[in-house]
Amino acid sequence: MESESLFDAVLDGALREIAAKQLPVYTFALYHDHESEAVSVCVDTEENSAKAASAINRYNRGYFSQAVANGDLMSARLWQANIGRSLSLGDFALVNVARTPLPAGAFSPDFYLSMVRSVMSVERRVAMLSPHPERLLFACSGPDAEVSYVWSALSYG
C-alpha cells in the first residue's frame, strides 16, 4: 500500500472513532512510532492539554530554579516552562487511534511529506470536531522526533 493511501486510511478510521466519541479536538497529530514501525493518530482536548502543561511546568520549575541557583544558564535552558499546550503525544486524551503497522523499510523525507499532506487533506473534517477551530493545531512526526511539524488550522468560518 502506498504511504499516502495508508495514511488516508488511518486518518479516516481515526476521524470516525473521534466523531463517535464526540471528543472536542484541540490538537490533532499523525504519529510515526519509530520503535515499532507503526502509524496512528493522537488527539488532545484543551482541558487535558492544560493539565499536562501545568504538570510539566511544576516539574520543570524545580530543575530550572536549581540550575539558576547554580549559575548554570545552559542547564536552565533545558527546563523552560511550557507556554501554551502539550505536544507530548503520550499524554494526549486519545493515543494511538487507528494504529496501523507500517511496511518494513527506510523512511525517506517523502514519507514524512506524505504524512503532512495527508493530515492537511483532512483539516476541514478535523475542524468540524473542534469547538474552537481557531485554536486547533495539527502535528506530524518527523525523521528524528515524534513531533517535528506543527501548524495552525485555516479559518473555516
N, C-alpha and C. Protein backbone atom coordinates (compact mmCIF):
# COMPACT_ATOMS: atom_id res chain seq x y z
N MET A 1 0.85 -1.19 0.00
CA MET A 1 0.00 0.00 0.00
C MET A 1 0.89 1.24 0.00
N GLU A 2 0.64 2.16 -0.87
CA GLU A 2 1.39 3.41 -0.95
C GLU A 2 1.19 4.21 0.34
N SER A 3 2.24 4.96 0.75
CA SER A 3 2.19 5.70 2.02
C SER A 3 0.96 6.59 2.15
N GLU A 4 0.70 7.40 1.12
CA GLU A 4 -0.43 8.34 1.23
C GLU A 4 -1.75 7.61 1.42
N SER A 5 -1.98 6.53 0.71
CA SER A 5 -3.25 5.81 0.88
C SER A 5 -3.31 5.14 2.25
N LEU A 6 -2.17 4.68 2.76
CA LEU A 6 -2.12 4.12 4.10
C LEU A 6 -2.47 5.20 5.12
N PHE A 7 -1.87 6.38 4.99
CA PHE A 7 -2.16 7.48 5.92
C PHE A 7 -3.62 7.89 5.82
N ASP A 8 -4.15 7.94 4.60
CA ASP A 8 -5.56 8.31 4.41
C ASP A 8 -6.48 7.33 5.13
N ALA A 9 -6.15 6.04 5.06
CA ALA A 9 -6.97 5.03 5.73
C ALA A 9 -6.89 5.18 7.25
N VAL A 10 -5.70 5.44 7.77
CA VAL A 10 -5.53 5.65 9.21
C VAL A 10 -6.32 6.88 9.65
N LEU A 11 -6.19 7.97 8.91
CA LEU A 11 -6.89 9.20 9.26
C LEU A 11 -8.40 9.03 9.21
N ASP A 12 -8.88 8.34 8.18
CA ASP A 12 -10.32 8.13 8.06
C ASP A 12 -10.85 7.31 9.24
N GLY A 13 -10.17 6.24 9.58
CA GLY A 13 -10.59 5.42 10.71
C GLY A 13 -10.55 6.19 12.02
N ALA A 14 -9.51 6.97 12.20
CA ALA A 14 -9.38 7.76 13.43
C ALA A 14 -10.47 8.82 13.52
N LEU A 15 -10.76 9.48 12.43
CA LEU A 15 -11.80 10.53 12.45
C LEU A 15 -13.17 9.94 12.77
N ARG A 16 -13.46 8.77 12.26
CA ARG A 16 -14.73 8.13 12.58
C ARG A 16 -14.81 7.81 14.08
N GLU A 17 -13.71 7.30 14.65
CA GLU A 17 -13.70 6.97 16.08
C GLU A 17 -13.81 8.23 16.94
N ILE A 18 -13.09 9.28 16.57
CA ILE A 18 -13.13 10.54 17.33
C ILE A 18 -14.53 11.14 17.29
N ALA A 19 -15.15 11.12 16.12
CA ALA A 19 -16.52 11.65 15.99
C ALA A 19 -17.49 10.84 16.84
N ALA A 20 -17.34 9.53 16.85
CA ALA A 20 -18.23 8.68 17.64
C ALA A 20 -18.09 8.97 19.14
N LYS A 21 -16.87 9.30 19.57
CA LYS A 21 -16.63 9.61 20.99
C LYS A 21 -16.99 11.06 21.32
N GLN A 22 -17.26 11.86 20.30
CA GLN A 22 -17.59 13.28 20.45
C GLN A 22 -16.50 14.01 21.25
N LEU A 23 -15.27 13.70 20.95
CA LEU A 23 -14.13 14.31 21.63
C LEU A 23 -13.90 15.71 21.07
N PRO A 24 -13.82 16.74 21.92
CA PRO A 24 -13.57 18.11 21.45
C PRO A 24 -12.09 18.30 21.09
N VAL A 25 -11.77 18.24 19.81
CA VAL A 25 -10.38 18.22 19.34
C VAL A 25 -9.72 19.60 19.50
N TYR A 26 -8.54 19.57 20.12
CA TYR A 26 -7.73 20.77 20.34
C TYR A 26 -6.39 20.65 19.60
N THR A 27 -5.79 19.45 19.66
CA THR A 27 -4.56 19.16 18.93
C THR A 27 -4.73 17.80 18.28
N PHE A 28 -4.35 17.72 17.00
CA PHE A 28 -4.54 16.51 16.20
C PHE A 28 -3.20 16.15 15.59
N ALA A 29 -2.70 14.94 15.88
CA ALA A 29 -1.37 14.56 15.41
C ALA A 29 -1.39 13.21 14.71
N LEU A 30 -0.65 13.13 13.61
CA LEU A 30 -0.37 11.86 12.95
C LEU A 30 1.02 11.44 13.41
N TYR A 31 1.08 10.30 14.08
CA TYR A 31 2.27 9.87 14.79
C TYR A 31 2.91 8.66 14.15
N HIS A 32 4.22 8.77 13.87
CA HIS A 32 5.01 7.64 13.41
C HIS A 32 5.78 7.12 14.62
N ASP A 33 5.42 5.93 15.07
CA ASP A 33 6.13 5.28 16.17
C ASP A 33 7.37 4.64 15.56
N HIS A 34 8.50 5.31 15.75
CA HIS A 34 9.75 4.87 15.15
C HIS A 34 10.21 3.50 15.67
N GLU A 35 9.94 3.22 16.93
CA GLU A 35 10.42 1.97 17.52
C GLU A 35 9.67 0.75 17.00
N SER A 36 8.36 0.85 16.89
CA SER A 36 7.60 -0.33 16.47
C SER A 36 7.10 -0.23 15.03
N GLU A 37 7.55 0.79 14.30
CA GLU A 37 7.19 0.97 12.90
C GLU A 37 5.68 0.85 12.67
N ALA A 38 4.98 1.78 13.29
CA ALA A 38 3.53 1.88 13.12
C ALA A 38 3.17 3.35 13.01
N VAL A 39 1.97 3.60 12.53
CA VAL A 39 1.47 4.97 12.44
C VAL A 39 0.09 5.00 13.08
N SER A 40 -0.23 6.12 13.74
CA SER A 40 -1.52 6.27 14.39
C SER A 40 -1.83 7.75 14.56
N VAL A 41 -3.00 8.01 15.10
CA VAL A 41 -3.43 9.37 15.39
C VAL A 41 -3.50 9.55 16.89
N CYS A 42 -3.05 10.71 17.35
CA CYS A 42 -3.17 11.09 18.76
C CYS A 42 -3.93 12.40 18.80
N VAL A 43 -4.88 12.51 19.73
CA VAL A 43 -5.75 13.68 19.79
C VAL A 43 -5.81 14.19 21.23
N ASP A 44 -5.72 15.49 21.37
CA ASP A 44 -5.83 16.06 22.70
C ASP A 44 -6.97 17.06 22.77
N THR A 45 -7.49 17.20 23.99
CA THR A 45 -8.50 18.21 24.27
C THR A 45 -7.82 19.40 24.93
N GLU A 46 -8.48 20.53 24.93
CA GLU A 46 -7.90 21.72 25.56
C GLU A 46 -7.72 21.50 27.06
N GLU A 47 -8.72 20.91 27.69
CA GLU A 47 -8.64 20.66 29.14
C GLU A 47 -7.48 19.73 29.48
N ASN A 48 -7.33 18.64 28.76
CA ASN A 48 -6.24 17.70 29.02
C ASN A 48 -4.88 18.34 28.75
N SER A 49 -4.79 19.12 27.69
CA SER A 49 -3.53 19.79 27.35
C SER A 49 -3.12 20.77 28.45
N ALA A 50 -4.07 21.51 28.99
CA ALA A 50 -3.78 22.47 30.06
C ALA A 50 -3.26 21.74 31.30
N LYS A 51 -3.87 20.60 31.63
CA LYS A 51 -3.41 19.81 32.78
C LYS A 51 -1.98 19.31 32.56
N ALA A 52 -1.72 18.80 31.37
CA ALA A 52 -0.38 18.28 31.07
C ALA A 52 0.66 19.39 31.10
N ALA A 53 0.33 20.54 30.52
CA ALA A 53 1.27 21.67 30.50
C ALA A 53 1.55 22.14 31.93
N SER A 54 0.53 22.18 32.78
CA SER A 54 0.71 22.59 34.17
C SER A 54 1.62 21.60 34.91
N ALA A 55 1.42 20.32 34.68
CA ALA A 55 2.26 19.31 35.33
C ALA A 55 3.71 19.43 34.87
N ILE A 56 3.90 19.65 33.58
CA ILE A 56 5.25 19.85 33.03
C ILE A 56 5.90 21.06 33.70
N ASN A 57 5.14 22.14 33.83
CA ASN A 57 5.69 23.36 34.42
C ASN A 57 6.08 23.16 35.89
N ARG A 58 5.25 22.46 36.65
CA ARG A 58 5.59 22.18 38.05
C ARG A 58 6.89 21.36 38.14
N TYR A 59 6.99 20.36 37.28
CA TYR A 59 8.18 19.50 37.26
C TYR A 59 9.43 20.30 36.86
N ASN A 60 9.33 21.04 35.76
CA ASN A 60 10.48 21.77 35.24
C ASN A 60 10.96 22.87 36.17
N ARG A 61 10.03 23.50 36.91
CA ARG A 61 10.39 24.65 37.74
C ARG A 61 11.48 24.30 38.75
N GLY A 62 11.40 23.16 39.37
CA GLY A 62 12.42 22.77 40.35
C GLY A 62 13.80 22.70 39.74
N TYR A 63 13.90 22.07 38.58
CA TYR A 63 15.19 21.95 37.90
C TYR A 63 15.68 23.30 37.38
N PHE A 64 14.75 24.11 36.89
CA PHE A 64 15.09 25.45 36.41
C PHE A 64 15.67 26.28 37.57
N SER A 65 14.98 26.27 38.70
CA SER A 65 15.42 27.05 39.86
C SER A 65 16.79 26.59 40.34
N GLN A 66 16.98 25.27 40.37
CA GLN A 66 18.27 24.74 40.82
C GLN A 66 19.40 25.15 39.87
N ALA A 67 19.15 25.09 38.57
CA ALA A 67 20.17 25.50 37.59
C ALA A 67 20.51 26.97 37.75
N VAL A 68 19.51 27.82 37.95
CA VAL A 68 19.76 29.25 38.14
C VAL A 68 20.54 29.47 39.44
N ALA A 69 20.16 28.77 40.51
CA ALA A 69 20.87 28.90 41.78
C ALA A 69 22.34 28.51 41.63
N ASN A 70 22.58 27.54 40.74
CA ASN A 70 23.97 27.10 40.48
C ASN A 70 24.68 27.98 39.46
N GLY A 71 23.97 28.96 38.92
CA GLY A 71 24.57 29.84 37.91
C GLY A 71 24.76 29.16 36.56
N ASP A 72 24.01 28.11 36.30
CA ASP A 72 24.16 27.29 35.08
C ASP A 72 23.04 27.60 34.08
N LEU A 73 23.24 28.63 33.30
CA LEU A 73 22.22 29.03 32.33
C LEU A 73 22.04 28.01 31.20
N MET A 74 23.07 27.26 30.89
CA MET A 74 22.93 26.22 29.86
C MET A 74 21.92 25.17 30.32
N SER A 75 22.00 24.75 31.56
CA SER A 75 21.04 23.78 32.09
C SER A 75 19.66 24.41 32.25
N ALA A 76 19.61 25.66 32.67
CA ALA A 76 18.33 26.34 32.84
C ALA A 76 17.53 26.33 31.53
N ARG A 77 18.21 26.46 30.40
CA ARG A 77 17.52 26.44 29.10
C ARG A 77 16.81 25.12 28.84
N LEU A 78 17.28 24.05 29.45
CA LEU A 78 16.68 22.73 29.26
C LEU A 78 15.38 22.56 30.03
N TRP A 79 15.10 23.45 30.98
CA TRP A 79 13.96 23.29 31.88
C TRP A 79 13.00 24.46 31.81
N GLN A 80 12.83 25.02 30.64
CA GLN A 80 11.93 26.16 30.47
C GLN A 80 10.47 25.73 30.61
N ALA A 81 9.64 26.71 30.93
CA ALA A 81 8.20 26.47 31.09
C ALA A 81 7.55 26.20 29.74
N ASN A 82 6.49 25.43 29.79
CA ASN A 82 5.63 25.22 28.63
C ASN A 82 4.71 26.44 28.55
N ILE A 83 4.72 27.13 27.44
CA ILE A 83 3.99 28.40 27.37
C ILE A 83 2.60 28.29 26.75
N GLY A 84 2.10 27.09 26.55
CA GLY A 84 0.78 27.04 25.95
C GLY A 84 0.07 25.72 25.93
N ARG A 85 0.65 24.75 25.27
CA ARG A 85 -0.08 23.48 25.12
C ARG A 85 0.91 22.35 25.11
N SER A 86 0.41 21.19 25.48
CA SER A 86 1.23 19.99 25.49
C SER A 86 1.34 19.41 24.09
N LEU A 87 2.54 19.05 23.72
CA LEU A 87 2.76 18.30 22.48
C LEU A 87 3.38 16.94 22.79
N SER A 88 3.20 16.50 24.03
CA SER A 88 3.67 15.19 24.45
C SER A 88 2.58 14.18 24.10
N LEU A 89 2.73 13.53 22.95
CA LEU A 89 1.66 12.70 22.40
C LEU A 89 1.20 11.61 23.36
N GLY A 90 2.09 11.06 24.14
CA GLY A 90 1.73 10.01 25.08
C GLY A 90 0.79 10.48 26.18
N ASP A 91 0.73 11.79 26.39
CA ASP A 91 -0.15 12.36 27.42
C ASP A 91 -1.48 12.85 26.85
N PHE A 92 -1.69 12.69 25.55
CA PHE A 92 -2.92 13.17 24.92
C PHE A 92 -4.14 12.39 25.43
N ALA A 93 -5.31 12.97 25.24
CA ALA A 93 -6.56 12.34 25.67
C ALA A 93 -6.82 11.02 24.95
N LEU A 94 -6.50 10.95 23.67
CA LEU A 94 -6.59 9.70 22.89
C LEU A 94 -5.23 9.44 22.26
N VAL A 95 -4.73 8.25 22.46
CA VAL A 95 -3.40 7.89 21.95
C VAL A 95 -3.52 6.65 21.08
N ASN A 96 -2.81 6.67 19.96
CA ASN A 96 -2.72 5.51 19.06
C ASN A 96 -4.07 5.07 18.48
N VAL A 97 -4.86 6.03 18.08
CA VAL A 97 -6.14 5.74 17.43
C VAL A 97 -5.84 5.25 16.01
N ALA A 98 -6.51 4.20 15.60
CA ALA A 98 -6.36 3.61 14.26
C ALA A 98 -4.90 3.18 13.99
N ARG A 99 -4.24 2.71 15.01
CA ARG A 99 -2.83 2.28 14.89
C ARG A 99 -2.70 1.22 13.81
N THR A 100 -1.73 1.41 12.91
CA THR A 100 -1.55 0.52 11.78
C THR A 100 -0.05 0.24 11.59
N PRO A 101 0.35 -1.02 11.50
CA PRO A 101 1.76 -1.33 11.24
C PRO A 101 2.18 -0.81 9.86
N LEU A 102 3.42 -0.42 9.78
CA LEU A 102 3.98 0.06 8.51
C LEU A 102 4.81 -1.05 7.87
N PRO A 103 4.88 -1.03 6.55
CA PRO A 103 5.77 -1.98 5.88
C PRO A 103 7.22 -1.71 6.32
N ALA A 104 8.01 -2.74 6.46
CA ALA A 104 9.41 -2.57 6.85
C ALA A 104 10.15 -1.78 5.78
N GLY A 105 11.11 -1.01 6.23
CA GLY A 105 11.93 -0.27 5.27
C GLY A 105 12.32 1.09 5.78
N ALA A 106 13.14 1.73 5.01
CA ALA A 106 13.62 3.07 5.36
C ALA A 106 12.50 4.09 5.13
N PHE A 107 12.53 5.12 5.94
CA PHE A 107 11.52 6.18 5.83
C PHE A 107 12.19 7.43 5.30
N SER A 108 11.92 7.73 4.06
CA SER A 108 12.54 8.85 3.36
C SER A 108 11.84 10.16 3.73
N PRO A 109 12.44 11.28 3.35
CA PRO A 109 11.75 12.56 3.55
C PRO A 109 10.37 12.58 2.89
N ASP A 110 10.21 11.88 1.77
CA ASP A 110 8.90 11.83 1.11
C ASP A 110 7.85 11.16 1.98
N PHE A 111 8.26 10.20 2.80
CA PHE A 111 7.35 9.54 3.73
C PHE A 111 6.73 10.58 4.67
N TYR A 112 7.57 11.45 5.23
CA TYR A 112 7.08 12.46 6.18
C TYR A 112 6.31 13.57 5.46
N LEU A 113 6.71 13.89 4.26
CA LEU A 113 5.95 14.86 3.47
C LEU A 113 4.55 14.32 3.18
N SER A 114 4.46 13.03 2.88
CA SER A 114 3.15 12.39 2.66
C SER A 114 2.30 12.44 3.93
N MET A 115 2.93 12.25 5.08
CA MET A 115 2.19 12.34 6.35
C MET A 115 1.56 13.73 6.50
N VAL A 116 2.38 14.76 6.32
CA VAL A 116 1.90 16.13 6.47
C VAL A 116 0.79 16.42 5.47
N ARG A 117 1.00 16.05 4.23
CA ARG A 117 -0.01 16.30 3.20
C ARG A 117 -1.32 15.58 3.50
N SER A 118 -1.22 14.36 4.02
CA SER A 118 -2.43 13.61 4.35
C SER A 118 -3.22 14.30 5.46
N VAL A 119 -2.53 14.78 6.48
CA VAL A 119 -3.23 15.50 7.55
C VAL A 119 -3.85 16.78 6.99
N MET A 120 -3.10 17.49 6.17
CA MET A 120 -3.64 18.73 5.58
C MET A 120 -4.90 18.46 4.77
N SER A 121 -4.98 17.29 4.18
CA SER A 121 -6.16 16.97 3.35
C SER A 121 -7.42 16.72 4.19
N VAL A 122 -7.27 16.48 5.50
CA VAL A 122 -8.44 16.26 6.36
C VAL A 122 -8.67 17.40 7.36
N GLU A 123 -7.98 18.49 7.18
CA GLU A 123 -8.09 19.60 8.13
C GLU A 123 -9.53 20.04 8.35
N ARG A 124 -10.29 20.19 7.30
CA ARG A 124 -11.67 20.65 7.44
C ARG A 124 -12.50 19.65 8.26
N ARG A 125 -12.30 18.36 8.03
CA ARG A 125 -13.02 17.34 8.80
C ARG A 125 -12.66 17.41 10.28
N VAL A 126 -11.39 17.62 10.57
CA VAL A 126 -10.95 17.73 11.96
C VAL A 126 -11.52 18.99 12.59
N ALA A 127 -11.50 20.09 11.85
CA ALA A 127 -12.02 21.36 12.37
C ALA A 127 -13.48 21.24 12.77
N MET A 128 -14.23 20.40 12.06
CA MET A 128 -15.64 20.20 12.39
C MET A 128 -15.81 19.49 13.75
N LEU A 129 -14.75 18.85 14.24
CA LEU A 129 -14.78 18.16 15.52
C LEU A 129 -14.22 19.01 16.66
N SER A 130 -13.88 20.25 16.34
CA SER A 130 -13.29 21.14 17.33
C SER A 130 -14.28 22.23 17.73
N PRO A 131 -14.47 22.44 19.05
CA PRO A 131 -15.38 23.51 19.46
C PRO A 131 -14.81 24.91 19.15
N HIS A 132 -13.50 24.99 18.99
CA HIS A 132 -12.84 26.27 18.70
C HIS A 132 -11.78 26.06 17.61
N PRO A 133 -12.21 25.92 16.36
CA PRO A 133 -11.25 25.64 15.28
C PRO A 133 -10.14 26.68 15.16
N GLU A 134 -10.39 27.88 15.63
CA GLU A 134 -9.36 28.92 15.55
C GLU A 134 -8.18 28.62 16.48
N ARG A 135 -8.36 27.72 17.45
CA ARG A 135 -7.28 27.34 18.36
C ARG A 135 -6.71 25.95 18.05
N LEU A 136 -7.23 25.31 17.03
CA LEU A 136 -6.83 23.97 16.65
C LEU A 136 -5.41 23.96 16.07
N LEU A 137 -4.61 22.99 16.50
CA LEU A 137 -3.29 22.77 15.93
C LEU A 137 -3.18 21.36 15.39
N PHE A 138 -2.36 21.22 14.35
CA PHE A 138 -2.06 19.93 13.75
C PHE A 138 -0.58 19.65 13.94
N ALA A 139 -0.24 18.36 14.01
CA ALA A 139 1.16 17.98 14.18
C ALA A 139 1.43 16.66 13.47
N CYS A 140 2.68 16.48 13.10
CA CYS A 140 3.14 15.22 12.50
C CYS A 140 4.53 14.90 13.01
N SER A 141 4.79 13.62 13.03
CA SER A 141 6.14 13.16 13.35
C SER A 141 7.09 13.48 12.20
N GLY A 142 8.36 13.42 12.51
CA GLY A 142 9.40 13.60 11.50
C GLY A 142 10.44 12.51 11.66
N PRO A 143 11.51 12.59 10.91
CA PRO A 143 12.52 11.53 10.94
C PRO A 143 13.18 11.32 12.30
N ASP A 144 13.25 12.38 13.10
CA ASP A 144 14.00 12.30 14.35
C ASP A 144 13.18 12.57 15.60
N ALA A 145 11.89 12.83 15.46
CA ALA A 145 11.09 13.19 16.64
C ALA A 145 9.63 12.81 16.44
N GLU A 146 8.95 12.54 17.56
CA GLU A 146 7.53 12.20 17.46
C GLU A 146 6.71 13.40 17.01
N VAL A 147 7.19 14.62 17.29
CA VAL A 147 6.54 15.84 16.79
C VAL A 147 7.61 16.72 16.15
N SER A 148 7.56 16.83 14.84
CA SER A 148 8.51 17.67 14.11
C SER A 148 7.84 18.83 13.38
N TYR A 149 6.59 18.65 13.01
CA TYR A 149 5.88 19.66 12.21
C TYR A 149 4.59 20.02 12.93
N VAL A 150 4.39 21.31 13.16
CA VAL A 150 3.20 21.80 13.85
C VAL A 150 2.69 23.01 13.09
N TRP A 151 1.38 23.02 12.81
CA TRP A 151 0.80 24.15 12.10
C TRP A 151 -0.62 24.41 12.59
N SER A 152 -1.08 25.62 12.32
CA SER A 152 -2.41 26.01 12.77
C SER A 152 -3.46 25.69 11.69
N ALA A 153 -4.69 25.67 12.13
CA ALA A 153 -5.80 25.41 11.21
C ALA A 153 -6.07 26.66 10.38
N LEU A 154 -6.60 26.45 9.21
CA LEU A 154 -7.10 27.56 8.39
C LEU A 154 -8.38 28.06 9.01
N SER A 155 -8.80 29.22 8.59
CA SER A 155 -10.10 29.75 9.05
C SER A 155 -11.19 29.09 8.22
N TYR A 156 -12.12 28.42 8.90
CA TYR A 156 -13.20 27.74 8.21
C TYR A 156 -14.54 28.40 8.46
N GLY A 157 -14.51 29.64 8.90
CA GLY A 157 -15.74 30.36 9.23
C GLY A 157 -16.53 30.82 8.05
